[in-house]
């Protein structure tokens, strides 16, 4: 039986799929989220932090994130 894998962090490709923006704009959005949350460049952004930043609901975002 295969278990469903879920991720805690979000990547630019996910943001691209969710927002419809280009890959480069998705990278910029992640940089802005990190800057606003006072995170370092190498720290990951969680899906919940992305949802708070964009005011999207987790339930809407979760199906669009691929394993």
PDB file of N, CA and C in Angstrom:
ATOM      1  N   UNK A   1       0.835  -1.171   0.000  1.00  0.00           N
ATOM      2  CA  UNK A   1       0.000   0.000   0.000  1.00  0.00           C
ATOM      3  C   UNK A   1       0.885   1.242   0.000  1.00  0.00           C
ATOM      4  N   UNK A   2       0.606   2.156  -0.875  1.00  0.00           N
ATOM      5  CA  UNK A   2       1.405   3.363  -1.008  1.00  0.00           C
ATOM      6  C   UNK A   2       0.841   4.459  -0.108  1.00  0.00           C
ATOM      7  N   UNK A   3       1.719   5.107   0.637  1.00  0.00           N
ATOM      8  CA  UNK A   3       1.279   6.197   1.502  1.00  0.00           C
ATOM      9  C   UNK A   3       1.439   7.519   0.772  1.00  0.00           C
ATOM     10  N   UNK A   4       0.542   8.430   1.046  1.00  0.00           N
ATOM     11  CA  UNK A   4       0.588   9.737   0.411  1.00  0.00           C
ATOM     12  C   UNK A   4       1.673  10.582   1.066  1.00  0.00           C
ATOM     13  N   UNK A   5       2.537  11.133   0.235  1.00  0.00           N
ATOM     14  CA  UNK A   5       3.588  11.992   0.772  1.00  0.00           C
ATOM     15  C   UNK A   5       3.135  13.444   0.678  1.00  0.00           C
ATOM     16  N   UNK A   6       3.298  14.143   1.763  1.00  0.00           N
ATOM     17  CA  UNK A   6       2.955  15.558   1.761  1.00  0.00           C
ATOM     18  C   UNK A   6       4.199  16.353   2.128  1.00  0.00           C
ATOM     19  N   UNK A   7       4.309  17.524   1.553  1.00  0.00           N
ATOM     20  CA  UNK A   7       5.455  18.381   1.803  1.00  0.00           C
ATOM     21  C   UNK A   7       5.061  19.501   2.747  1.00  0.00           C
ATOM     22  N   UNK A   8       6.028  20.015   3.450  1.00  0.00           N
ATOM     23  CA  UNK A   8       5.811  21.151   4.334  1.00  0.00           C
ATOM     24  C   UNK A   8       6.213  22.455   3.675  1.00  0.00           C
ATOM     25  N   UNK A   9       7.143  22.367   2.723  1.00  0.00           N
ATOM     26  CA  UNK A   9       7.657  23.590   2.101  1.00  0.00           C
ATOM     27  C   UNK A   9       7.107  23.744   0.680  1.00  0.00           C
ATOM     28  N   UNK A  10       7.209  24.959   0.196  1.00  0.00           N
ATOM     29  CA  UNK A  10       6.709  25.269  -1.145  1.00  0.00           C
ATOM     30  C   UNK A  10       7.886  25.727  -2.008  1.00  0.00           C
ATOM     31  N   UNK A  11       7.810  25.440  -3.287  1.00  0.00           N
ATOM     32  CA  UNK A  11       8.868  25.773  -4.233  1.00  0.00           C
ATOM     33  C   UNK A  11       8.322  26.701  -5.321  1.00  0.00           C
ATOM     34  N   UNK A  12       9.203  27.394  -6.038  1.00  0.00           N
ATOM     35  CA  UNK A  12       8.740  28.313  -7.082  1.00  0.00           C
ATOM     36  C   UNK A  12       7.840  27.647  -8.128  1.00  0.00           C
ATOM     37  N   UNK A  13       8.114  26.399  -8.449  1.00  0.00           N
ATOM     38  CA  UNK A  13       7.277  25.705  -9.437  1.00  0.00           C
ATOM     39  C   UNK A  13       5.836  25.558  -8.926  1.00  0.00           C
ATOM     40  N   UNK A  14       5.679  25.338  -7.622  1.00  0.00           N
ATOM     41  CA  UNK A  14       4.343  25.262  -7.030  1.00  0.00           C
ATOM     42  C   UNK A  14       3.650  26.620  -7.107  1.00  0.00           C
ATOM     43  N   UNK A  15       4.387  27.671  -6.777  1.00  0.00           N
ATOM     44  CA  UNK A  15       3.821  29.023  -6.834  1.00  0.00           C
ATOM     45  C   UNK A  15       3.419  29.362  -8.263  1.00  0.00           C
ATOM     46  N   UNK A  16       4.224  28.930  -9.214  1.00  0.00           N
ATOM     47  CA  UNK A  16       3.910  29.152 -10.631  1.00  0.00           C
ATOM     48  C   UNK A  16       2.596  28.468 -10.993  1.00  0.00           C
ATOM     49  N   UNK A  17       2.414  27.245 -10.536  1.00  0.00           N
ATOM     50  CA  UNK A  17       1.204  26.480 -10.827  1.00  0.00           C
ATOM     51  C   UNK A  17      -0.019  27.112 -10.156  1.00  0.00           C
ATOM     52  N   UNK A  18       0.149  27.604  -8.934  1.00  0.00           N
ATOM     53  CA  UNK A  18      -0.969  28.173  -8.175  1.00  0.00           C
ATOM     54  C   UNK A  18      -1.389  29.528  -8.714  1.00  0.00           C
ATOM     55  N   UNK A  19      -0.406  30.408  -8.974  1.00  0.00           N
ATOM     56  CA  UNK A  19      -0.712  31.793  -9.339  1.00  0.00           C
ATOM     57  C   UNK A  19      -0.796  32.048 -10.838  1.00  0.00           C
ATOM     58  N   UNK A  20      -0.177  31.189 -11.625  1.00  0.00           N
ATOM     59  CA  UNK A  20      -0.152  31.418 -13.071  1.00  0.00           C
ATOM     60  C   UNK A  20       0.937  32.390 -13.487  1.00  0.00           C
ATOM     61  N   UNK A  21       1.784  32.795 -12.553  1.00  0.00           N
ATOM     62  CA  UNK A  21       2.890  33.703 -12.862  1.00  0.00           C
ATOM     63  C   UNK A  21       4.039  32.913 -13.481  1.00  0.00           C
ATOM     64  N   UNK A  22       4.999  33.640 -14.024  1.00  0.00           N
ATOM     65  CA  UNK A  22       6.165  32.985 -14.604  1.00  0.00           C
ATOM     66  C   UNK A  22       7.041  32.421 -13.495  1.00  0.00           C
ATOM     67  N   UNK A  23       7.979  31.577 -13.867  1.00  0.00           N
ATOM     68  CA  UNK A  23       8.878  30.967 -12.884  1.00  0.00           C
ATOM     69  C   UNK A  23       9.706  32.041 -12.182  1.00  0.00           C
ATOM     70  N   UNK A  24      10.193  33.016 -12.938  1.00  0.00           N
ATOM     71  CA  UNK A  24      11.019  34.085 -12.361  1.00  0.00           C
ATOM     72  C   UNK A  24      10.204  34.939 -11.378  1.00  0.00           C
ATOM     73  N   UNK A  25       8.955  35.243 -11.725  1.00  0.00           N
ATOM     74  CA  UNK A  25       8.106  36.002 -10.814  1.00  0.00           C
ATOM     75  C   UNK A  25       7.804  35.199  -9.549  1.00  0.00           C
ATOM     76  N   UNK A  26       7.708  33.889  -9.684  1.00  0.00           N
ATOM     77  CA  UNK A  26       7.482  33.023  -8.526  1.00  0.00           C
ATOM     78  C   UNK A  26       8.688  33.049  -7.594  1.00  0.00           C
ATOM     79  N   UNK A  27       9.887  33.084  -8.161  1.00  0.00           N
ATOM     80  CA  UNK A  27      11.100  33.194  -7.346  1.00  0.00           C
ATOM     81  C   UNK A  27      11.104  34.521  -6.598  1.00  0.00           C
ATOM     82  N   UNK A  28      10.724  35.600  -7.296  1.00  0.00           N
ATOM     83  CA  UNK A  28      10.666  36.913  -6.653  1.00  0.00           C
ATOM     84  C   UNK A  28       9.649  36.924  -5.514  1.00  0.00           C
ATOM     85  N   UNK A  29       8.520  36.269  -5.710  1.00  0.00           N
ATOM     86  CA  UNK A  29       7.504  36.200  -4.666  1.00  0.00           C
ATOM     87  C   UNK A  29       8.062  35.478  -3.439  1.00  0.00           C
ATOM     88  N   UNK A  30       8.785  34.373  -3.659  1.00  0.00           N
ATOM     89  CA  UNK A  30       9.396  33.655  -2.535  1.00  0.00           C
ATOM     90  C   UNK A  30      10.410  34.548  -1.824  1.00  0.00           C
ATOM     91  N   UNK A  31      11.174  35.320  -2.577  1.00  0.00           N
ATOM     92  CA  UNK A  31      12.140  36.239  -1.970  1.00  0.00           C
ATOM     93  C   UNK A  31      11.425  37.286  -1.118  1.00  0.00           C
ATOM     94  N   UNK A  32      10.294  37.786  -1.602  1.00  0.00           N
ATOM     95  CA  UNK A  32       9.526  38.771  -0.845  1.00  0.00           C
ATOM     96  C   UNK A  32       8.946  38.165   0.435  1.00  0.00           C
ATOM     97  N   UNK A  33       8.496  36.920   0.354  1.00  0.00           N
ATOM     98  CA  UNK A  33       7.970  36.237   1.543  1.00  0.00           C
ATOM     99  C   UNK A  33       9.082  36.083   2.572  1.00  0.00           C
ATOM    100  N   UNK A  34      10.242  35.636   2.134  1.00  0.00           N
ATOM    101  CA  UNK A  34      11.385  35.486   3.050  1.00  0.00           C
ATOM    102  C   UNK A  34      11.761  36.823   3.688  1.00  0.00           C
ATOM    103  N   UNK A  35      11.772  37.862   2.876  1.00  0.00           N
ATOM    104  CA  UNK A  35      12.141  39.192   3.373  1.00  0.00           C
ATOM    105  C   UNK A  35      11.140  39.661   4.430  1.00  0.00           C
ATOM    106  N   UNK A  36       9.867  39.479   4.167  1.00  0.00           N
ATOM    107  CA  UNK A  36       8.827  39.914   5.092  1.00  0.00           C
ATOM    108  C   UNK A  36       8.853  39.112   6.400  1.00  0.00           C
ATOM    109  N   UNK A  37       9.236  37.845   6.319  1.00  0.00           N
ATOM    110  CA  UNK A  37       9.282  36.987   7.504  1.00  0.00           C
ATOM    111  C   UNK A  37      10.654  36.976   8.170  1.00  0.00           C
ATOM    112  N   UNK A  38      11.552  37.815   7.682  1.00  0.00           N
ATOM    113  CA  UNK A  38      12.925  37.898   8.210  1.00  0.00           C
ATOM    114  C   UNK A  38      13.629  36.545   8.196  1.00  0.00           C
ATOM    115  N   UNK A  39      13.514  35.847   7.074  1.00  0.00           N
ATOM    116  CA  UNK A  39      14.189  34.561   6.909  1.00  0.00           C
ATOM    117  C   UNK A  39      15.454  34.751   6.087  1.00  0.00           C
ATOM    118  N   UNK A  40      16.393  33.872   6.287  1.00  0.00           N
ATOM    119  CA  UNK A  40      17.611  33.892   5.484  1.00  0.00           C
ATOM    120  C   UNK A  40      17.334  33.317   4.109  1.00  0.00           C
ATOM    121  N   UNK A  41      18.267  33.538   3.193  1.00  0.00           N
ATOM    122  CA  UNK A  41      18.095  33.093   1.811  1.00  0.00           C
ATOM    123  C   UNK A  41      17.976  31.574   1.700  1.00  0.00           C
ATOM    124  N   UNK A  42      18.635  30.842   2.605  1.00  0.00           N
ATOM    125  CA  UNK A  42      18.624  29.380   2.512  1.00  0.00           C
ATOM    126  C   UNK A  42      17.510  28.736   3.327  1.00  0.00           C
ATOM    127  N   UNK A  43      16.681  29.524   4.003  1.00  0.00           N
ATOM    128  CA  UNK A  43      15.579  28.960   4.772  1.00  0.00           C
ATOM    129  C   UNK A  43      14.372  28.719   3.870  1.00  0.00           C
ATOM    130  N   UNK A  44      13.685  27.630   4.134  1.00  0.00           N
ATOM    131  CA  UNK A  44      12.534  27.251   3.323  1.00  0.00           C
ATOM    132  C   UNK A  44      11.287  28.015   3.748  1.00  0.00           C
ATOM    133  N   UNK A  45      10.364  28.158   2.807  1.00  0.00           N
ATOM    134  CA  UNK A  45       9.081  28.794   3.072  1.00  0.00           C
ATOM    135  C   UNK A  45       8.040  27.685   3.159  1.00  0.00           C
ATOM    136  N   UNK A  46       7.272  27.690   4.234  1.00  0.00           N
ATOM    137  CA  UNK A  46       6.249  26.651   4.397  1.00  0.00           C
ATOM    138  C   UNK A  46       5.008  27.010   3.585  1.00  0.00           C
ATOM    139  N   UNK A  47       4.193  26.005   3.360  1.00  0.00           N
ATOM    140  CA  UNK A  47       2.946  26.210   2.614  1.00  0.00           C
ATOM    141  C   UNK A  47       2.027  27.134   3.400  1.00  0.00           C
ATOM    142  N   UNK A  48       2.002  26.996   4.715  1.00  0.00           N
ATOM    143  CA  UNK A  48       1.163  27.855   5.555  1.00  0.00           C
ATOM    144  C   UNK A  48       1.612  29.310   5.487  1.00  0.00           C
ATOM    145  N   UNK A  49       2.927  29.549   5.472  1.00  0.00           N
ATOM    146  CA  UNK A  49       3.440  30.912   5.359  1.00  0.00           C
ATOM    147  C   UNK A  49       3.060  31.511   4.012  1.00  0.00           C
ATOM    148  N   UNK A  50       3.125  30.704   2.957  1.00  0.00           N
ATOM    149  CA  UNK A  50       2.708  31.164   1.634  1.00  0.00           C
ATOM    150  C   UNK A  50       1.224  31.531   1.640  1.00  0.00           C
ATOM    151  N   UNK A  51       0.408  30.697   2.271  1.00  0.00           N
ATOM    152  CA  UNK A  51      -1.035  30.955   2.337  1.00  0.00           C
ATOM    153  C   UNK A  51      -1.334  32.237   3.104  1.00  0.00           C
ATOM    154  N   UNK A  52      -0.631  32.467   4.191  1.00  0.00           N
ATOM    155  CA  UNK A  52      -0.821  33.697   4.955  1.00  0.00           C
ATOM    156  C   UNK A  52      -0.415  34.916   4.133  1.00  0.00           C
ATOM    157  N   UNK A  53       0.677  34.815   3.406  1.00  0.00           N
ATOM    158  CA  UNK A  53       1.182  35.929   2.605  1.00  0.00           C
ATOM    159  C   UNK A  53       0.216  36.279   1.476  1.00  0.00           C
ATOM    160  N   UNK A  54      -0.346  35.258   0.840  1.00  0.00           N
ATOM    161  CA  UNK A  54      -1.218  35.488  -0.312  1.00  0.00           C
ATOM    162  C   UNK A  54      -2.697  35.556   0.042  1.00  0.00           C
ATOM    163  N   UNK A  55      -3.038  35.292   1.293  1.00  0.00           N
ATOM    164  CA  UNK A  55      -4.432  35.259   1.762  1.00  0.00           C
ATOM    165  C   UNK A  55      -5.250  34.180   1.066  1.00  0.00           C
ATOM    166  N   UNK A  56      -4.596  33.113   0.675  1.00  0.00           N
ATOM    167  CA  UNK A  56      -5.286  31.956   0.115  1.00  0.00           C
ATOM    168  C   UNK A  56      -5.521  30.934   1.225  1.00  0.00           C
ATOM    169  N   UNK A  57      -6.536  30.130   1.059  1.00  0.00           N
ATOM    170  CA  UNK A  57      -6.821  29.092   2.044  1.00  0.00           C
ATOM    171  C   UNK A  57      -6.005  27.849   1.724  1.00  0.00           C
ATOM    172  N   UNK A  58      -5.541  27.182   2.775  1.00  0.00           N
ATOM    173  CA  UNK A  58      -4.723  25.981   2.627  1.00  0.00           C
ATOM    174  C   UNK A  58      -5.469  24.924   1.814  1.00  0.00           C
ATOM    175  N   UNK A  59      -6.779  24.827   2.011  1.00  0.00           N
ATOM    176  CA  UNK A  59      -7.585  23.835   1.297  1.00  0.00           C
ATOM    177  C   UNK A  59      -7.591  24.058  -0.205  1.00  0.00           C
ATOM    178  N   UNK A  60      -7.446  25.329  -0.616  1.00  0.00           N
ATOM    179  CA  UNK A  60      -7.399  25.648  -2.046  1.00  0.00           C
ATOM    180  C   UNK A  60      -6.029  25.343  -2.629  1.00  0.00           C
ATOM    181  N   UNK A  61      -4.998  25.530  -1.839  1.00  0.00           N
ATOM    182  CA  UNK A  61      -3.621  25.399  -2.317  1.00  0.00           C
ATOM    183  C   UNK A  61      -3.173  23.939  -2.345  1.00  0.00           C
ATOM    184  N   UNK A  62      -3.556  23.170  -1.339  1.00  0.00           N
ATOM    185  CA  UNK A  62      -3.079  21.793  -1.173  1.00  0.00           C
ATOM    186  C   UNK A  62      -3.255  20.910  -2.418  1.00  0.00           C
ATOM    187  N   UNK A  63      -4.416  20.915  -3.085  1.00  0.00           N
ATOM    188  CA  UNK A  63      -4.550  20.038  -4.262  1.00  0.00           C
ATOM    189  C   UNK A  63      -3.632  20.396  -5.441  1.00  0.00           C
ATOM    190  N   UNK A  64      -3.162  21.637  -5.469  1.00  0.00           N
ATOM    191  CA  UNK A  64      -2.321  22.097  -6.577  1.00  0.00           C
ATOM    192  C   UNK A  64      -0.847  21.771  -6.377  1.00  0.00           C
ATOM    193  N   UNK A  65      -0.489  21.322  -5.172  1.00  0.00           N
ATOM    194  CA  UNK A  65       0.900  20.972  -4.891  1.00  0.00           C
ATOM    195  C   UNK A  65       1.098  19.501  -5.159  1.00  0.00           C
ATOM    196  N   UNK A  66       2.005  19.210  -6.074  1.00  0.00           N
ATOM    197  CA  UNK A  66       2.254  17.835  -6.488  1.00  0.00           C
ATOM    198  C   UNK A  66       3.370  17.254  -5.640  1.00  0.00           C
ATOM    199  N   UNK A  67       3.090  16.065  -5.058  1.00  0.00           N
ATOM    200  CA  UNK A  67       3.970  15.277  -4.227  1.00  0.00           C
ATOM    201  C   UNK A  67       5.314  15.766  -4.029  1.00  0.00           C
TER     202      UNK A  67
END
